[in-house]
């Protein structure tokens, strides 16, 4: 008898097992390949981002940093002058309020004990009112310093520490602003009865080396403190812009300070 014709089509079990194993290996290889490809893709994306970041910083250093810093500082100047150049700008702000110099504190205590505390309060108020009157006169000079800053200045501020802005303005404007402020301060404090007493005591203290020469007159003391307070607040305003560039509504500031964070 002849074997049935369909017997020739029977599958060889060994061959079937081999083919199945081959398919499994192929699928495993494919999965391994895809995992490896995904890993490489992740590394490439990370490398691309890192390169773009580096290029961004380089680009900012050479092209955008100067413009961005100028815009930020000019905004800072405008805000600081508006804040400080009004009644209470110094007197009501604990951060910049001008106190009696330390060498007068003891004398002030004695005066208060003898019922002259009101005169001490008038002196402190007069010093701070003088500062408030002087500040607006400095706006043009401060803005001019910003507009004339170099790319190197901008880089130092962009990458500098907490005091970078304060240091920039102190270096560029302290001497000329001091000259501009001094007459205004002198006029204001001359109306305070204790101003002459301050000068007399301070003169003696200076002669004994107890205080700096520039603090030996009330006018110079107040002028110096006015500049310190002004630079401090400009720095604070610049930090606000640096921390929240989006809030400024300026695309340039968002680009510069967003990339530098």
Protein backbone atom coordinates (compact mmCIF):
# COMPACT_ATOMS: atom_id res chain seq x y z
CA UNK A 1 0.00 0.00 0.00
CA UNK A 2 1.08 3.45 -0.71
CA UNK A 3 1.41 5.95 2.15
CA UNK A 4 -1.21 8.70 2.10
CA UNK A 5 -0.16 11.66 -0.06
CA UNK A 6 -0.63 14.17 2.72
CA UNK A 7 2.02 12.45 4.80
CA UNK A 8 4.67 14.17 2.75
CA UNK A 9 3.43 17.47 4.10
CA UNK A 10 3.80 16.56 7.77
CA UNK A 11 6.00 19.05 9.69
CA UNK A 12 9.26 17.83 11.12
CA UNK A 13 9.10 18.54 14.88
CA UNK A 14 12.82 19.16 15.09
CA UNK A 15 12.68 21.66 12.26
CA UNK A 16 9.74 23.44 13.93
CA UNK A 17 11.65 23.78 17.19
CA UNK A 18 14.68 25.15 15.38
CA UNK A 19 12.62 27.75 13.53
CA UNK A 20 10.91 28.84 16.75
CA UNK A 21 14.22 29.25 18.49
CA UNK A 22 15.51 31.29 15.58
CA UNK A 23 12.46 33.57 15.73
CA UNK A 24 12.91 34.09 19.48
CA UNK A 25 16.57 34.96 19.03
CA UNK A 26 15.68 37.35 16.25
CA UNK A 27 13.04 39.11 18.40
CA UNK A 28 15.42 39.29 21.36
CA UNK A 29 18.10 40.76 19.10
CA UNK A 30 15.67 43.29 17.77
CA UNK A 31 14.60 44.30 21.27
CA UNK A 32 18.24 44.63 22.34
CA UNK A 33 18.96 46.68 19.25
CA UNK A 34 16.02 49.01 19.92
CA UNK A 35 17.07 49.44 23.54
CA UNK A 36 20.61 50.26 22.48
CA UNK A 37 19.37 52.63 19.80
CA UNK A 38 17.13 54.39 22.32
CA UNK A 39 20.07 54.73 24.72
CA UNK A 40 22.24 56.21 21.99
CA UNK A 41 19.44 58.57 21.01
CA UNK A 42 19.14 59.76 24.61
CA UNK A 43 22.87 60.39 24.78
CA UNK A 44 22.82 62.25 21.49
CA UNK A 45 19.93 64.44 22.63
CA UNK A 46 21.72 65.21 25.90
CA UNK A 47 24.90 66.03 24.01
CA UNK A 48 22.96 68.27 21.66
CA UNK A 49 21.37 70.12 24.57
CA UNK A 50 24.75 70.51 26.23
CA UNK A 51 26.25 71.87 23.03
CA UNK A 52 23.32 74.25 22.54
CA UNK A 53 23.74 75.47 26.15
CA UNK A 54 27.44 76.10 25.62
CA UNK A 55 26.76 77.95 22.39
CA UNK A 56 24.05 79.96 24.09
CA UNK A 57 26.39 81.12 26.85
CA UNK A 58 29.10 81.95 24.36
CA UNK A 59 26.65 83.83 22.20
CA UNK A 60 25.34 85.76 25.17
CA UNK A 61 28.84 86.70 26.25
CA UNK A 62 29.66 88.13 22.86
CA UNK A 63 26.39 89.59 21.61
CA UNK A 64 23.52 89.78 24.06
CA UNK A 65 25.03 90.13 27.52
CA UNK A 66 25.89 93.80 27.18
CA UNK A 67 22.46 94.79 25.86
CA UNK A 68 20.63 92.66 28.41
CA UNK A 69 22.61 93.96 31.36
CA UNK A 70 22.15 97.55 30.21
CA UNK A 71 18.38 97.12 30.01
CA UNK A 72 18.28 95.44 33.42
CA UNK A 73 20.45 98.06 35.10
CA UNK A 74 18.57 100.97 33.56
CA UNK A 75 15.34 99.47 34.88
CA UNK A 76 17.04 99.02 38.24
CA UNK A 77 18.19 102.64 38.32
CA UNK A 78 14.74 103.96 37.45
CA UNK A 79 13.08 101.81 40.12
CA UNK A 80 15.67 102.61 42.81
CA UNK A 81 15.51 106.37 42.24
CA UNK A 82 11.71 106.33 42.30
CA UNK A 83 11.70 104.27 45.49
CA UNK A 84 14.33 106.24 47.41
CA UNK A 85 13.72 109.72 46.04
CA UNK A 86 10.40 110.17 47.80
CA UNK A 87 9.44 111.04 51.34
CA UNK A 88 10.13 108.01 53.50
CA UNK A 89 12.33 106.40 50.84
CA UNK A 90 15.22 106.23 53.29
CA UNK A 91 13.61 106.98 56.62
CA UNK A 92 10.98 104.24 56.35
CA UNK A 93 13.22 101.60 54.78
CA UNK A 94 15.19 99.70 57.47
CA UNK A 95 17.64 98.39 54.89
CA UNK A 96 18.93 101.85 53.89
CA UNK A 97 17.79 104.10 56.75
CA UNK A 98 20.67 106.33 57.78
CA UNK A 99 21.39 105.95 61.50
CA UNK A 100 23.48 108.04 63.79
CA UNK A 101 27.13 107.09 63.45
CA UNK A 102 28.27 104.72 66.14
CA UNK A 103 30.49 107.28 67.86
CA UNK A 104 27.39 109.43 68.52
CA UNK A 105 25.21 106.69 69.91
CA UNK A 106 26.49 107.14 73.46
CA UNK A 107 26.08 110.90 73.28
CA UNK A 108 22.58 110.43 71.91
CA UNK A 109 21.73 108.24 74.87
CA UNK A 110 22.84 110.97 77.26
CA UNK A 111 20.84 113.61 75.39
CA UNK A 112 17.71 111.47 75.51
CA UNK A 113 18.15 111.01 79.25
CA UNK A 114 18.24 114.81 79.62
CA UNK A 115 15.00 115.24 77.70
CA UNK A 116 16.50 116.07 74.34
CA UNK A 117 15.38 112.90 72.55
CA UNK A 118 13.26 114.97 70.19
CA UNK A 119 16.37 116.75 68.91
CA UNK A 120 18.06 113.39 68.24
CA UNK A 121 15.00 112.24 66.31
CA UNK A 122 15.06 115.47 64.32
CA UNK A 123 18.69 114.87 63.40
CA UNK A 124 18.01 111.32 62.18
CA UNK A 125 14.95 112.49 60.25
CA UNK A 126 16.89 115.39 58.75
CA UNK A 127 19.72 113.14 57.58
CA UNK A 128 17.32 110.79 55.84
CA UNK A 129 15.28 113.60 54.31
CA UNK A 130 18.51 114.99 52.90
CA UNK A 131 19.24 111.64 51.27
CA UNK A 132 15.75 111.47 49.80
CA UNK A 133 16.18 114.95 48.32
CA UNK A 134 19.58 114.15 46.79
CA UNK A 135 18.82 110.83 45.09
CA UNK A 136 16.77 112.12 42.11
CA UNK A 137 19.69 114.29 41.05
CA UNK A 138 21.75 111.17 40.40
CA UNK A 139 19.45 109.47 37.88
CA UNK A 140 20.98 110.97 34.73
CA UNK A 141 24.53 110.20 35.81
CA UNK A 142 23.60 106.63 36.74
CA UNK A 143 21.86 106.03 33.42
CA UNK A 144 24.84 107.52 31.59
CA UNK A 145 27.14 105.07 33.38
CA UNK A 146 24.91 102.20 32.25
CA UNK A 147 24.82 103.32 28.62
CA UNK A 148 28.60 103.70 28.48
CA UNK A 149 29.43 100.35 30.08
CA UNK A 150 31.72 97.99 28.17
CA UNK A 151 31.14 94.38 27.16
CA UNK A 152 33.67 93.40 29.82
CA UNK A 153 31.64 95.27 32.44
CA UNK A 154 28.54 93.37 31.33
CA UNK A 155 30.31 90.01 31.53
CA UNK A 156 31.55 90.74 35.04
CA UNK A 157 28.06 91.66 36.20
CA UNK A 158 26.40 88.72 34.45
CA UNK A 159 28.77 86.19 36.00
CA UNK A 160 29.61 88.14 39.15
CA UNK A 161 28.40 87.64 42.67
CA UNK A 162 25.86 89.41 44.83
CA UNK A 163 27.85 92.67 44.90
CA UNK A 164 28.73 92.90 41.20
CA UNK A 165 26.17 95.62 40.45
CA UNK A 166 27.00 97.64 43.57
CA UNK A 167 30.69 97.47 42.77
CA UNK A 168 30.15 98.60 39.17
CA UNK A 169 28.22 101.71 40.17
CA UNK A 170 30.56 102.52 43.04
CA UNK A 171 33.55 102.37 40.70
CA UNK A 172 31.91 104.44 37.97
CA UNK A 173 29.79 107.00 39.81
CA UNK A 174 30.70 107.36 43.48
CA UNK A 175 33.01 110.36 43.11
CA UNK A 176 30.87 112.42 40.69
CA UNK A 177 27.62 111.56 42.48
CA UNK A 178 29.18 112.53 45.78
CA UNK A 179 29.96 115.96 44.33
CA UNK A 180 26.41 116.34 43.04
CA UNK A 181 24.77 115.20 46.26
CA UNK A 182 26.90 117.18 48.69
CA UNK A 183 25.31 120.65 48.12
CA UNK A 184 21.79 119.22 48.39
CA UNK A 185 22.66 117.32 51.55
CA UNK A 186 24.41 120.37 53.03
CA UNK A 187 21.37 122.55 52.46
CA UNK A 188 19.02 119.98 54.00
CA UNK A 189 21.03 119.20 57.13
CA UNK A 190 21.81 122.85 57.78
CA UNK A 191 18.20 123.17 58.88
CA UNK A 192 18.75 120.65 61.67
CA UNK A 193 19.77 122.18 64.97
CA UNK A 194 22.11 119.35 65.95
CA UNK A 195 24.14 119.45 62.74
CA UNK A 196 26.72 121.78 64.25
CA UNK A 197 26.90 119.63 67.35
CA UNK A 198 27.56 116.61 65.14
CA UNK A 199 30.37 118.41 63.34
CA UNK A 200 31.98 119.53 66.58
CA UNK A 201 31.92 116.04 68.13
CA UNK A 202 32.90 114.35 64.88
CA UNK A 203 35.80 116.72 64.38
CA UNK A 204 37.22 115.74 67.76
CA UNK A 205 36.64 112.05 67.07
CA UNK A 206 38.38 112.34 63.71
CA UNK A 207 41.37 114.06 65.30
CA UNK A 208 41.67 111.14 67.71
CA UNK A 209 41.47 108.64 64.85
CA UNK A 210 38.12 107.27 66.02
CA UNK A 211 36.30 107.82 62.73
CA UNK A 212 37.17 108.22 59.06
CA UNK A 213 37.95 111.72 57.85
CA UNK A 214 35.06 111.62 55.37
CA UNK A 215 32.62 111.10 58.25
CA UNK A 216 33.95 114.07 60.21
CA UNK A 217 31.17 116.33 58.89
CA UNK A 218 27.51 115.46 58.82
CA UNK A 219 27.28 116.42 55.15
CA UNK A 220 29.94 113.95 54.09
CA UNK A 221 28.59 111.24 56.36
CA UNK A 222 25.06 111.55 54.95
CA UNK A 223 26.31 111.76 51.37
CA UNK A 224 28.29 108.56 51.77
CA UNK A 225 25.34 106.73 53.33
CA UNK A 226 23.06 108.01 50.58
CA UNK A 227 25.30 106.48 47.93
CA UNK A 228 25.55 103.21 49.85
CA UNK A 229 21.78 102.97 50.07
CA UNK A 230 21.28 103.89 46.42
CA UNK A 231 23.70 101.24 45.17
CA UNK A 232 22.17 98.65 47.48
CA UNK A 233 18.67 99.19 46.12
CA UNK A 234 19.83 99.22 42.49
CA UNK A 235 21.47 95.86 43.17
CA UNK A 236 18.25 94.56 44.74
CA UNK A 237 16.23 95.65 41.72
CA UNK A 238 18.69 94.00 39.33
CA UNK A 239 18.45 90.75 41.30
CA UNK A 240 14.66 90.81 41.01
CA UNK A 241 14.99 91.04 37.23
CA UNK A 242 17.59 88.28 37.19
CA UNK A 243 15.38 85.98 39.26
CA UNK A 244 12.19 86.66 37.29
CA UNK A 245 13.10 87.78 33.76
CA UNK A 246 9.70 86.67 32.46
CA UNK A 247 8.01 89.16 34.75
CA UNK A 248 9.76 92.05 32.99
CA UNK A 249 7.96 91.37 29.72
CA UNK A 250 11.25 91.84 27.86
CA UNK A 251 12.25 89.14 25.38
CA UNK A 252 15.89 90.21 25.63
CA UNK A 253 15.96 89.95 29.42
CA UNK A 254 14.25 86.57 29.27
CA UNK A 255 16.90 85.38 26.82
CA UNK A 256 19.88 86.71 28.74
CA UNK A 257 18.90 85.86 32.30
CA UNK A 258 16.97 82.73 31.37
CA UNK A 259 20.05 81.27 29.70
CA UNK A 260 22.39 82.32 32.51
CA UNK A 261 20.40 80.59 35.25
